[in-house]
Protein backbone atom coordinates (compact mmCIF):
# COMPACT_ATOMS: atom_id res chain seq x y z
CA MET A 1 5.91 -10.77 -66.71
CA ILE A 2 9.26 -11.96 -65.23
CA THR A 3 11.62 -8.57 -64.51
CA THR A 4 14.22 -9.88 -62.07
CA LEU A 5 15.16 -14.10 -60.50
CA ASP A 6 14.83 -14.38 -57.08
CA HIS A 7 18.07 -16.03 -55.17
CA THR A 8 16.49 -20.01 -55.64
CA ILE A 9 15.60 -19.71 -59.25
CA LYS A 10 19.41 -18.83 -60.07
CA GLU A 11 20.42 -21.54 -57.72
CA TYR A 12 18.41 -23.98 -59.92
CA ILE A 13 19.71 -22.61 -63.21
CA GLN A 14 23.41 -23.38 -61.64
CA HIS A 15 22.61 -26.35 -60.82
CA ALA A 16 21.40 -27.30 -64.18
CA LEU A 17 24.62 -25.78 -66.02
CA GLU A 18 26.62 -28.16 -63.35
CA GLU A 19 24.80 -30.82 -64.33
CA ALA A 20 25.21 -30.18 -67.97
CA LYS A 21 29.00 -29.92 -67.50
CA GLN A 22 29.13 -32.78 -65.71
CA THR A 23 27.73 -34.98 -68.05
CA ASN A 24 28.31 -33.65 -71.34
CA GLN A 25 24.92 -33.09 -71.99
CA SER A 26 22.03 -30.51 -72.22
CA VAL A 27 19.59 -29.46 -70.11
CA ILE A 28 16.12 -27.96 -70.53
CA VAL A 29 15.17 -25.13 -68.02
CA SER A 30 11.61 -24.70 -68.22
CA ARG A 31 10.15 -21.49 -65.96
CA ILE A 32 6.56 -21.15 -66.19
CA LYS A 33 5.09 -18.04 -64.99
CA GLU A 34 0.70 -17.42 -63.98
CA VAL A 35 0.16 -14.33 -65.75
CA ASP A 36 -3.10 -11.48 -66.48
CA ALA A 37 -4.85 -12.52 -69.63
CA ILE A 38 -2.92 -12.08 -73.04
CA ASP A 39 -5.20 -12.80 -76.29
CA PRO A 40 -3.40 -15.53 -78.04
CA LEU A 41 -3.49 -14.32 -81.24
CA HIS A 42 -1.99 -11.02 -80.54
CA PHE A 43 0.35 -12.49 -78.72
CA PHE A 44 1.47 -14.41 -81.83
CA ALA A 45 1.65 -11.58 -83.87
CA SER A 46 3.72 -9.55 -81.45
CA GLY A 47 6.22 -12.35 -82.05
CA GLU A 48 7.24 -11.16 -85.72
CA GLU A 49 9.68 -8.63 -85.32
CA ILE A 50 11.56 -11.10 -83.21
CA TYR A 51 10.60 -14.28 -84.42
CA LEU A 52 9.68 -14.54 -87.99
CA GLY A 53 9.64 -17.76 -89.51
CA GLU A 54 9.63 -19.62 -85.92
CA ARG A 55 5.88 -19.47 -84.55
CA PHE A 56 3.47 -21.69 -84.19
CA PHE A 57 -0.64 -21.39 -83.09
CA TRP A 58 -2.51 -24.07 -82.14
CA SER A 59 -5.88 -24.20 -80.67
CA THR A 60 -8.71 -26.83 -79.72
CA PRO A 61 -12.55 -27.30 -80.61
CA THR A 62 -14.32 -24.25 -78.93
CA ALA A 63 -10.93 -21.92 -77.70
CA ASP A 64 -10.89 -23.78 -74.39
CA PHE A 65 -6.79 -24.85 -74.91
CA THR A 66 -4.99 -22.61 -76.78
CA MET A 67 -0.75 -22.54 -77.18
CA VAL A 68 1.39 -19.24 -79.29
CA GLY A 69 5.34 -20.57 -79.29
CA LEU A 70 7.53 -17.82 -80.21
CA GLY A 71 11.30 -18.71 -81.28
CA ASN A 72 12.62 -21.96 -81.76
CA GLU A 73 14.96 -22.49 -78.74
CA PHE A 74 16.02 -25.54 -80.27
CA VAL A 75 14.33 -27.98 -83.52
CA LEU A 76 14.80 -31.69 -83.91
CA GLU A 77 14.52 -33.28 -87.35
CA ASN A 78 14.55 -36.03 -89.16
CA GLU A 79 15.27 -35.70 -92.95
CA ASN A 80 15.73 -39.51 -93.53
CA ARG A 81 13.25 -40.84 -95.61
CA THR A 82 12.18 -43.78 -93.57
CA PRO A 83 9.43 -45.19 -90.99
CA GLU A 84 11.70 -44.58 -87.88
CA ARG A 85 11.33 -40.93 -87.73
CA PHE A 86 8.85 -41.21 -84.80
CA GLN A 87 10.91 -43.13 -82.74
CA LYS A 88 13.86 -40.93 -83.95
CA ILE A 89 12.23 -37.66 -82.48
CA GLU A 90 10.57 -39.87 -79.52
CA LYS A 91 14.49 -40.90 -78.39
CA GLU A 92 16.09 -37.77 -79.13
CA TRP A 93 13.25 -35.87 -76.62
CA LYS A 94 13.79 -38.11 -74.31
CA ARG A 95 17.80 -37.42 -74.21
CA PHE A 96 17.39 -34.37 -72.67
CA ASN A 97 16.95 -34.18 -69.07
CA LYS A 98 14.30 -31.86 -68.46
CA LYS A 99 13.78 -29.36 -64.84
CA VAL A 100 11.15 -26.96 -64.75
CA ILE A 101 10.66 -24.24 -62.16
CA ALA A 102 6.64 -23.23 -61.25
CA ASP A 103 5.52 -21.21 -58.06
CA HIS A 104 2.25 -23.68 -58.49
CA LYS A 105 0.70 -26.87 -59.77
CA LYS A 106 1.98 -27.23 -63.49
CA GLN A 107 -0.63 -26.82 -65.62
CA VAL A 108 -1.32 -28.91 -69.05
CA GLY A 109 0.10 -27.71 -71.28
CA THR A 110 2.70 -25.65 -69.79
CA GLY A 111 6.72 -26.47 -68.72
CA PRO A 112 9.23 -28.12 -71.69
CA LEU A 113 7.03 -29.15 -75.03
CA LEU A 114 8.08 -29.58 -78.47
CA PHE A 115 5.23 -28.58 -81.36
CA GLY A 116 5.49 -29.68 -84.73
CA GLY A 117 4.55 -32.84 -87.43
CA PHE A 118 5.23 -35.40 -89.88
CA SER A 119 5.16 -35.68 -93.68
CA PHE A 120 2.20 -38.22 -95.05
CA ASP A 121 4.56 -40.45 -96.46
CA PRO A 122 8.24 -40.13 -96.11
CA MET A 123 8.96 -42.54 -98.76
CA LYS A 124 7.06 -40.47 -101.87
CA GLU A 125 9.83 -38.50 -103.98
CA LYS A 126 9.65 -34.13 -102.57
CA ASP A 127 8.14 -31.80 -105.18
CA VAL A 128 9.73 -28.41 -104.85
CA LEU A 129 6.31 -27.14 -102.72
CA TRP A 130 7.29 -29.16 -99.75
CA GLU A 131 10.96 -28.93 -100.30
CA ALA A 132 11.67 -26.85 -96.84
CA PHE A 133 9.84 -29.26 -94.82
CA ALA A 134 11.40 -32.14 -93.05
CA GLU A 135 9.93 -35.34 -92.80
CA ALA A 136 9.70 -34.56 -89.38
CA LYS A 137 10.13 -31.27 -87.63
CA PHE A 138 9.45 -30.26 -84.13
CA VAL A 139 10.52 -27.30 -81.83
CA LEU A 140 11.14 -26.29 -78.15
CA PRO A 141 9.41 -22.48 -78.13
CA THR A 142 11.85 -20.04 -76.60
CA ASN A 143 8.82 -18.31 -75.47
CA MET A 144 4.83 -19.72 -75.20
CA LEU A 145 1.54 -18.93 -74.48
CA THR A 146 -0.64 -20.98 -72.38
CA VAL A 147 -4.64 -20.43 -72.19
CA PHE A 148 -6.50 -23.22 -70.52
CA LYS A 149 -9.17 -22.76 -68.06
CA ASP A 150 -9.55 -19.20 -68.50
CA LYS A 151 -6.26 -18.96 -66.74
CA THR A 152 -2.84 -17.97 -68.73
CA TYR A 153 1.14 -18.63 -68.41
CA ILE A 154 3.97 -17.97 -70.01
CA THR A 155 6.70 -20.65 -70.05
CA ILE A 156 10.04 -19.62 -70.41
CA ASN A 157 12.49 -22.20 -72.13
CA LYS A 158 16.18 -22.35 -71.99
CA LEU A 159 18.60 -25.19 -73.54
CA ILE A 160 21.66 -25.26 -71.58
CA THR A 161 24.64 -26.79 -73.17
CA PRO A 162 28.01 -27.58 -71.04
CA MET A 163 29.33 -24.58 -72.97
CA ASP A 164 27.46 -22.32 -71.75
CA ASN A 165 28.27 -19.60 -68.69
CA LEU A 166 25.84 -18.95 -65.75
CA ASP A 167 25.53 -15.41 -66.27
CA THR A 168 24.68 -16.17 -70.20
CA CYS A 169 21.82 -18.43 -68.65
CA ILE A 170 20.31 -16.07 -66.41
CA LYS A 171 20.18 -13.71 -68.69
CA HIS A 172 18.09 -15.59 -70.71
CA PHE A 173 15.41 -16.08 -68.77
CA GLU A 174 15.60 -11.62 -67.38
CA GLN A 175 15.47 -10.16 -70.99
CA VAL A 176 12.97 -12.69 -72.29
CA GLY A 177 10.62 -11.73 -69.56
CA GLU A 178 10.82 -8.36 -69.65
CA GLN A 179 10.53 -8.48 -73.40
CA GLU A 180 7.49 -5.66 -73.46
CA PHE A 181 5.66 -7.39 -76.65
CA THR A 182 3.17 -4.81 -79.11
CA LEU A 183 -0.04 -6.68 -78.99
CA PHE A 184 -1.55 -5.48 -81.96
CA PRO A 185 -4.99 -3.91 -81.86
CA TYR A 186 -6.04 -5.23 -85.55
CA GLN A 187 -9.44 -7.01 -86.04
CA ILE A 188 -10.29 -9.83 -87.98
CA ASP A 189 -11.55 -8.58 -91.62
CA CYS A 190 -14.69 -10.28 -92.30
CA GLU A 191 -15.06 -8.67 -95.34
CA LYS A 192 -13.89 -11.21 -97.91
CA GLY A 193 -12.12 -9.04 -100.91
CA ASN A 194 -8.76 -10.36 -102.10
CA GLU A 195 -9.29 -11.07 -105.48
CA PHE A 196 -7.34 -14.41 -106.64
CA ALA A 197 -6.43 -16.72 -109.74
CA SER A 198 -7.32 -20.09 -109.17
CA ILE A 199 -5.37 -23.08 -111.03
CA GLU A 200 -6.75 -26.73 -110.39
CA LEU A 201 -3.68 -28.80 -110.61
CA LYS A 202 -3.98 -32.40 -113.00
CA THR A 203 -7.84 -32.64 -112.51
CA THR A 204 -8.08 -34.98 -115.55
CA GLU A 205 -5.47 -36.78 -113.88
CA TRP A 206 -7.24 -37.45 -110.48
CA VAL A 207 -10.57 -37.73 -111.80
CA GLU A 208 -8.98 -41.01 -113.91
CA ALA A 209 -7.14 -41.94 -110.80
CA VAL A 210 -10.28 -42.47 -109.41
CA GLN A 211 -11.37 -44.51 -111.84
CA ARG A 212 -8.78 -46.65 -111.57
CA ALA A 213 -9.08 -47.02 -107.72
CA THR A 214 -12.72 -48.14 -107.98
CA ALA A 215 -11.34 -51.05 -110.66
CA ASP A 216 -9.41 -51.84 -108.18
CA ILE A 217 -11.55 -52.40 -105.56
CA ARG A 218 -13.53 -54.04 -107.70
CA ALA A 219 -10.51 -56.58 -108.30
CA SER A 220 -10.23 -57.30 -104.78
CA GLU A 221 -6.68 -56.04 -104.86
CA ILE A 222 -8.13 -53.11 -101.67
CA ASP A 223 -10.93 -51.94 -99.97
CA LYS A 224 -10.83 -48.44 -99.55
CA VAL A 225 -7.98 -45.86 -101.24
CA VAL A 226 -8.28 -42.15 -100.43
CA LEU A 227 -7.18 -39.66 -103.23
CA ALA A 228 -6.19 -36.15 -102.68
CA ARG A 229 -5.89 -33.47 -104.96
CA GLU A 230 -4.22 -29.30 -104.96
CA VAL A 231 -5.68 -26.80 -106.39
CA HIS A 232 -2.99 -23.43 -106.34
CA LEU A 233 -4.37 -19.86 -105.16
CA GLU A 234 -2.59 -16.39 -106.40
CA PHE A 235 -3.78 -13.22 -104.61
CA THR A 236 -3.35 -9.68 -105.61
CA GLU A 237 -1.90 -8.72 -102.08
CA LYS A 238 0.09 -10.56 -99.68
CA ILE A 239 -2.23 -12.68 -97.30
CA ASP A 240 -2.15 -11.96 -93.99
CA PRO A 241 -1.56 -15.21 -91.90
CA TYR A 242 -3.49 -13.61 -88.40
CA GLN A 243 -6.40 -12.77 -90.19
CA VAL A 244 -6.61 -16.33 -92.04
CA VAL A 245 -5.94 -17.66 -88.07
CA GLY A 246 -8.72 -15.38 -86.97
CA ARG A 247 -10.98 -16.20 -89.47
CA LEU A 248 -10.63 -19.85 -88.80
CA GLN A 249 -11.13 -19.77 -85.12
CA LYS A 250 -14.04 -17.65 -85.97
CA GLU A 251 -16.00 -19.67 -89.01
CA GLN A 252 -14.73 -23.28 -87.66
CA PRO A 253 -15.22 -23.45 -83.91
CA THR A 254 -15.76 -26.96 -83.80
CA SER A 255 -12.10 -27.56 -85.31
CA PHE A 256 -8.39 -27.49 -83.92
CA ILE A 257 -6.78 -24.72 -85.44
CA PHE A 258 -3.06 -24.92 -86.65
CA GLU A 259 -0.06 -22.00 -87.68
CA PHE A 260 3.51 -24.08 -87.91
CA GLU A 261 5.76 -21.68 -89.55
CA ASN A 262 8.44 -22.91 -91.52
CA GLY A 263 10.87 -20.06 -92.39
CA LEU A 264 8.23 -17.80 -94.81
CA GLN A 265 6.00 -20.50 -95.49
CA HIS A 266 2.99 -21.19 -93.30
CA PHE A 267 1.24 -24.37 -92.77
CA VAL A 268 -2.59 -23.71 -91.45
CA GLY A 269 -5.39 -25.18 -91.36
CA ALA A 270 -9.09 -25.99 -89.15
CA THR A 271 -9.04 -29.80 -88.92
CA PRO A 272 -12.03 -31.70 -87.29
CA GLU A 273 -10.13 -34.95 -87.26
CA ARG A 274 -8.48 -36.00 -83.64
CA LEU A 275 -5.68 -38.96 -83.76
CA ILE A 276 -5.17 -39.06 -80.52
CA LYS A 277 -4.68 -37.60 -76.97
CA LYS A 278 -3.01 -38.75 -74.05
CA GLU A 279 -3.49 -37.71 -70.98
CA GLU A 280 -1.44 -39.31 -68.35
CA ASN A 281 -2.46 -42.92 -69.53
CA GLN A 282 -5.67 -41.86 -70.58
CA VAL A 283 -6.09 -42.00 -74.74
CA LEU A 284 -8.98 -40.39 -77.00
CA SER A 285 -8.93 -41.26 -80.94
CA THR A 286 -12.07 -39.87 -83.11
CA CYS A 287 -13.09 -41.75 -86.33
CA LEU A 288 -13.62 -38.86 -89.00
CA ALA A 289 -14.82 -40.58 -92.26
CA GLY A 290 -17.86 -39.70 -94.35
CA SER A 291 -19.24 -36.45 -95.03
CA ILE A 292 -22.61 -34.59 -96.74
CA LYS A 293 -22.48 -30.67 -97.04
CA ARG A 294 -24.91 -28.58 -94.69
CA GLY A 295 -28.00 -27.72 -95.46
CA LYS A 296 -29.06 -24.07 -95.81
CA THR A 297 -32.30 -24.34 -93.13
CA LYS A 298 -32.83 -26.05 -89.93
CA SER A 299 -34.80 -28.70 -91.69
CA GLU A 300 -32.47 -29.16 -94.52
CA ASP A 301 -29.55 -29.71 -92.55
CA LYS A 302 -31.69 -32.40 -90.41
CA LEU A 303 -32.68 -34.04 -93.94
CA LEU A 304 -29.09 -34.43 -94.71
CA GLY A 305 -27.67 -35.40 -91.11
CA ASN A 306 -30.80 -38.37 -91.38
CA GLU A 307 -29.45 -39.14 -94.82
CA LEU A 308 -25.63 -39.63 -94.40
CA LEU A 309 -26.38 -41.84 -91.12
CA HIS A 310 -28.36 -44.18 -93.60
CA ASP A 311 -26.10 -43.51 -96.49
CA ASP A 312 -24.53 -47.28 -97.33
CA LYS A 313 -21.74 -46.01 -98.55
CA ASN A 314 -20.73 -43.35 -96.48
CA LEU A 315 -21.29 -46.22 -93.80
CA ILE A 316 -19.41 -48.35 -94.98
CA GLU A 317 -16.35 -45.74 -95.45
CA HIS A 318 -16.90 -45.43 -91.11
CA ASP A 319 -16.84 -48.67 -90.01
CA ILE A 320 -13.44 -49.30 -91.97
CA VAL A 321 -11.77 -46.33 -90.10
CA VAL A 322 -14.02 -47.63 -86.64
CA LYS A 323 -12.52 -51.24 -87.11
CA MET A 324 -8.67 -50.25 -87.44
CA ILE A 325 -8.62 -47.63 -84.81
CA LYS A 326 -10.21 -50.28 -82.52
CA ASP A 327 -7.71 -52.61 -83.65
CA ALA A 328 -4.81 -50.45 -83.06
CA PHE A 329 -6.44 -49.60 -79.29
CA GLU A 330 -6.82 -53.32 -78.59
CA HIS A 331 -2.83 -53.87 -79.07
CA CYS A 332 -1.86 -50.52 -77.08
CA CYS A 333 -4.51 -49.65 -74.22
CA PHE A 334 -6.91 -51.79 -72.15
CA GLU A 335 -11.03 -51.00 -71.50
CA VAL A 336 -11.18 -49.80 -75.17
CA SER A 337 -14.56 -48.87 -75.85
CA ALA A 338 -17.19 -47.30 -78.32
CA PRO A 339 -20.29 -46.01 -79.41
CA GLU A 340 -22.34 -49.15 -81.46
CA ALA A 341 -22.73 -46.63 -84.11
CA PRO A 342 -21.46 -42.88 -85.26
CA ALA A 343 -22.90 -39.71 -84.32
CA LEU A 344 -22.78 -36.63 -86.32
CA LEU A 345 -20.42 -34.23 -85.72
CA LYS A 346 -21.27 -30.30 -87.63
CA THR A 347 -18.53 -27.99 -88.83
CA ASN A 348 -19.68 -24.93 -90.75
CA ASN A 349 -19.41 -26.47 -94.23
CA ILE A 350 -19.41 -30.14 -93.53
CA GLN A 351 -21.17 -32.58 -91.55
CA HIS A 352 -19.04 -36.02 -91.10
CA LEU A 353 -19.98 -39.43 -89.47
CA TYR A 354 -18.46 -39.41 -86.02
CA THR A 355 -17.73 -42.35 -83.30
CA PRO A 356 -14.78 -41.51 -80.40
CA VAL A 357 -12.72 -44.69 -79.13
CA LYS A 358 -11.30 -44.24 -75.91
CA GLY A 359 -8.59 -46.49 -73.41
CA PHE A 360 -6.12 -47.08 -71.51
CA ALA A 361 -2.18 -47.07 -72.69
CA LYS A 362 -0.33 -50.11 -71.39
CA ASN A 363 2.50 -49.75 -70.08
CA GLY A 364 5.66 -48.99 -72.65
CA HIS A 365 3.04 -47.85 -75.34
CA THR A 366 4.32 -43.97 -75.67
CA LEU A 367 2.33 -41.44 -77.53
CA LEU A 368 4.31 -41.18 -80.63
CA SER A 369 4.12 -45.41 -80.99
CA MET A 370 0.62 -44.75 -80.92
CA VAL A 371 0.83 -41.86 -83.47
CA GLU A 372 3.01 -44.25 -85.36
CA ARG A 373 0.70 -47.03 -85.21
CA LEU A 374 -2.65 -44.92 -86.31
CA HIS A 375 -0.90 -43.19 -89.39
CA PRO A 376 -2.39 -43.01 -91.67
CA THR A 377 -6.18 -44.14 -90.40
CA PRO A 378 -8.13 -45.25 -93.32
CA ALA A 379 -9.92 -41.89 -93.40
CA LEU A 380 -7.25 -40.45 -94.79
CA GLY A 381 -5.08 -43.22 -96.71
CA GLY A 382 -7.21 -46.38 -96.90
CA PHE A 383 -7.21 -50.07 -95.85
CA PRO A 384 -5.72 -52.45 -95.78
CA LYS A 385 -3.54 -49.54 -94.72
CA GLU A 386 0.28 -50.68 -96.78
CA LYS A 387 -1.76 -51.59 -99.58
CA ALA A 388 -3.33 -48.14 -99.66
CA ILE A 389 -0.35 -46.14 -99.22
CA GLU A 390 1.34 -47.57 -102.20
CA LYS A 391 -2.06 -46.95 -103.74
CA ILE A 392 -1.77 -43.65 -103.52
CA ARG A 393 2.18 -43.55 -104.30
CA GLU A 394 0.89 -44.69 -107.27
CA LEU A 395 -2.37 -43.19 -107.98
CA GLU A 396 -2.14 -39.83 -106.40
CA PRO A 397 -1.10 -37.17 -108.90
CA MET A 398 0.34 -34.68 -106.23
CA HIS A 399 2.53 -35.26 -103.05
CA ARG A 400 0.86 -34.44 -100.12
CA GLY A 401 3.75 -33.32 -98.09
CA TRP A 402 2.59 -32.33 -94.48
CA TYR A 403 -1.50 -32.59 -95.72
CA ALA A 404 -3.11 -35.48 -94.00
CA ALA A 405 -0.42 -36.14 -91.75
CA PRO A 406 0.03 -35.81 -87.89
CA VAL A 407 0.36 -32.38 -86.14
CA GLY A 408 0.27 -31.70 -82.70
CA TRP A 409 2.67 -31.65 -79.34
CA ILE A 410 4.17 -33.69 -76.84
CA ASP A 411 5.26 -32.85 -73.36
CA HIS A 412 8.02 -34.33 -71.14
CA GLU A 413 5.75 -36.58 -69.15
CA ASP A 414 4.54 -37.80 -72.83
CA ASN A 415 0.63 -36.31 -72.45
CA GLY A 416 0.14 -34.80 -75.94
CA GLU A 417 -2.36 -34.39 -78.73
CA PHE A 418 -1.89 -35.14 -82.57
CA VAL A 419 -4.65 -33.96 -85.23
CA VAL A 420 -4.78 -35.23 -88.91
CA ALA A 421 -3.75 -31.96 -91.12
CA ILE A 422 -6.54 -31.72 -93.08
CA ARG A 423 -8.75 -28.82 -94.15
CA SER A 424 -4.89 -27.02 -94.45
CA GLY A 425 -3.19 -25.25 -97.05
CA LEU A 426 0.65 -23.95 -97.45
CA ILE A 427 0.48 -20.05 -97.51
CA GLU A 428 3.66 -18.09 -98.80
CA GLY A 429 3.63 -14.14 -99.54
CA ASN A 430 0.62 -14.24 -101.69
CA ARG A 431 0.20 -17.39 -103.38
CA ALA A 432 -1.68 -20.79 -101.35
CA ALA A 433 -1.45 -24.11 -102.07
CA LEU A 434 -5.27 -25.95 -100.53
CA PHE A 435 -5.55 -29.80 -100.17
CA ALA A 436 -8.99 -32.02 -100.18
CA GLY A 437 -9.34 -35.67 -100.56
CA CYS A 438 -11.96 -38.30 -100.00
CA GLY A 439 -12.52 -41.68 -99.84
CA ILE A 440 -12.85 -44.04 -102.45
CA VAL A 441 -14.79 -47.30 -102.27
CA GLU A 442 -16.42 -49.61 -104.73
CA GLU A 443 -20.03 -47.42 -104.77
CA SER A 444 -17.78 -43.94 -105.62
CA ASP A 445 -18.23 -42.05 -108.62
CA PRO A 446 -15.51 -39.88 -109.16
CA GLU A 447 -17.89 -36.63 -110.12
CA SER A 448 -19.52 -37.34 -107.18
CA GLU A 449 -16.54 -37.17 -105.79
CA TYR A 450 -15.12 -34.05 -107.36
CA PHE A 451 -17.49 -31.93 -105.54
CA GLU A 452 -16.83 -32.99 -102.34
CA THR A 453 -13.31 -32.05 -102.76
CA LYS A 454 -14.85 -28.73 -103.50
CA MET A 455 -16.58 -28.71 -100.45
CA LYS A 456 -13.61 -29.45 -98.03
CA LEU A 457 -12.03 -27.04 -99.63
CA LYS A 458 -14.50 -24.17 -98.56
CA PRO A 459 -13.49 -23.89 -95.06
CA MET A 460 -9.69 -22.50 -96.09
CA LEU A 461 -11.12 -20.64 -99.28
CA SER A 462 -13.55 -18.20 -96.96
CA ALA A 463 -10.21 -17.69 -94.28
CA LEU A 464 -7.88 -16.65 -97.22
CA GLY A 465 -10.71 -14.02 -97.98
CA GLY A 466 -11.65 -15.67 -101.56
CA VAL A 467 -14.84 -16.29 -101.23
CA GLU A 468 -17.75 -15.67 -98.52
CA ASN A 469 -18.84 -18.55 -96.17
CA GLU A 470 -21.39 -20.61 -96.79
């Protein structure tokens, strides 16, 4: 870790402070340091005493890129129930001048960046479960660990205001750098024994919503709508968030793992669905729609996969998503490309139809502007987009909060990545709320859709210790 600051760095901080005073505008200073290897989950746990309620965890499939944030150096929130939340977060982020101190070439996921997410639909009235979550919330971490390509980096961020003094700013970097993190020597507990009671909320109303939706589709009011339901669990013991994240990493290696602390609540999940990734002007999205269970043997698994690849209902559902994402990319990008037919993406519990879409961002099209254009894709909302959102407000017997919404990160150079927060749950103490949905088209059968949601709940149930992973 950093123990002292050399003269050049102190001068750098002084210049930033002078700029803040002259412009009457806060400046973000970030120092990046390569360090010896640190286990990201241990680093996350080590921040509990000082930073409880102000942490995040993020890892990509196969855990080749991981970020952990400790402490909220500052927070950008938008509580307004308006569609302009994407622009407002972007505008506020651009308002800060950002300075980076690094003794090497800056790596992806280091330096000043925001991590956070949005609600699914700001126009739907909140319920008590999501009361503490803003319609948009992003944090600049005080401390951040980044593991990328077998190298480990620590970023220390400081928001320098016109009211700060030089000694205070210097001490921030020295004290934070000197902190001894107690890396908890625990192991992930593979024994699933935390007993719980389960309540399925408004199941009858959800089945009726599916029936009404299929009737509306047959009447040509809409092509597709996604309807979700929720299950509440109460465990006999407090849920350990580190065990949950650790199990998700072990059991769902092909998924993105995220954990966002909001006070005493943890929004956590393992989603296979990337909404968008932007690196310089290269842009990638993932069409994921249509699913079937995994087989218990290799031959059964292959048969099920082939069945999915040739199932008309699922292919129609998938094609709707591909068309929408390609249309959105055509507006924002050039050289848009996608395979002609879907492949299979397999998670531990589920097989999905999968089609990647690639392009290069046109000038003036930022990451958050593309997030706004893509959300919600037909895989999580329906088609046409606005009619589907209205239908969800009308029929769905729950409030989604951040479920099925964009969660991710954006740096000061407009690089970043957002996923769709499915296969997720909201945890507090010994209680958890889990969510799952499915795409409703003309051929949908309510009973089949209900069992599909039960299948989609398994990853989080297993990570919570509630069931053995099948």
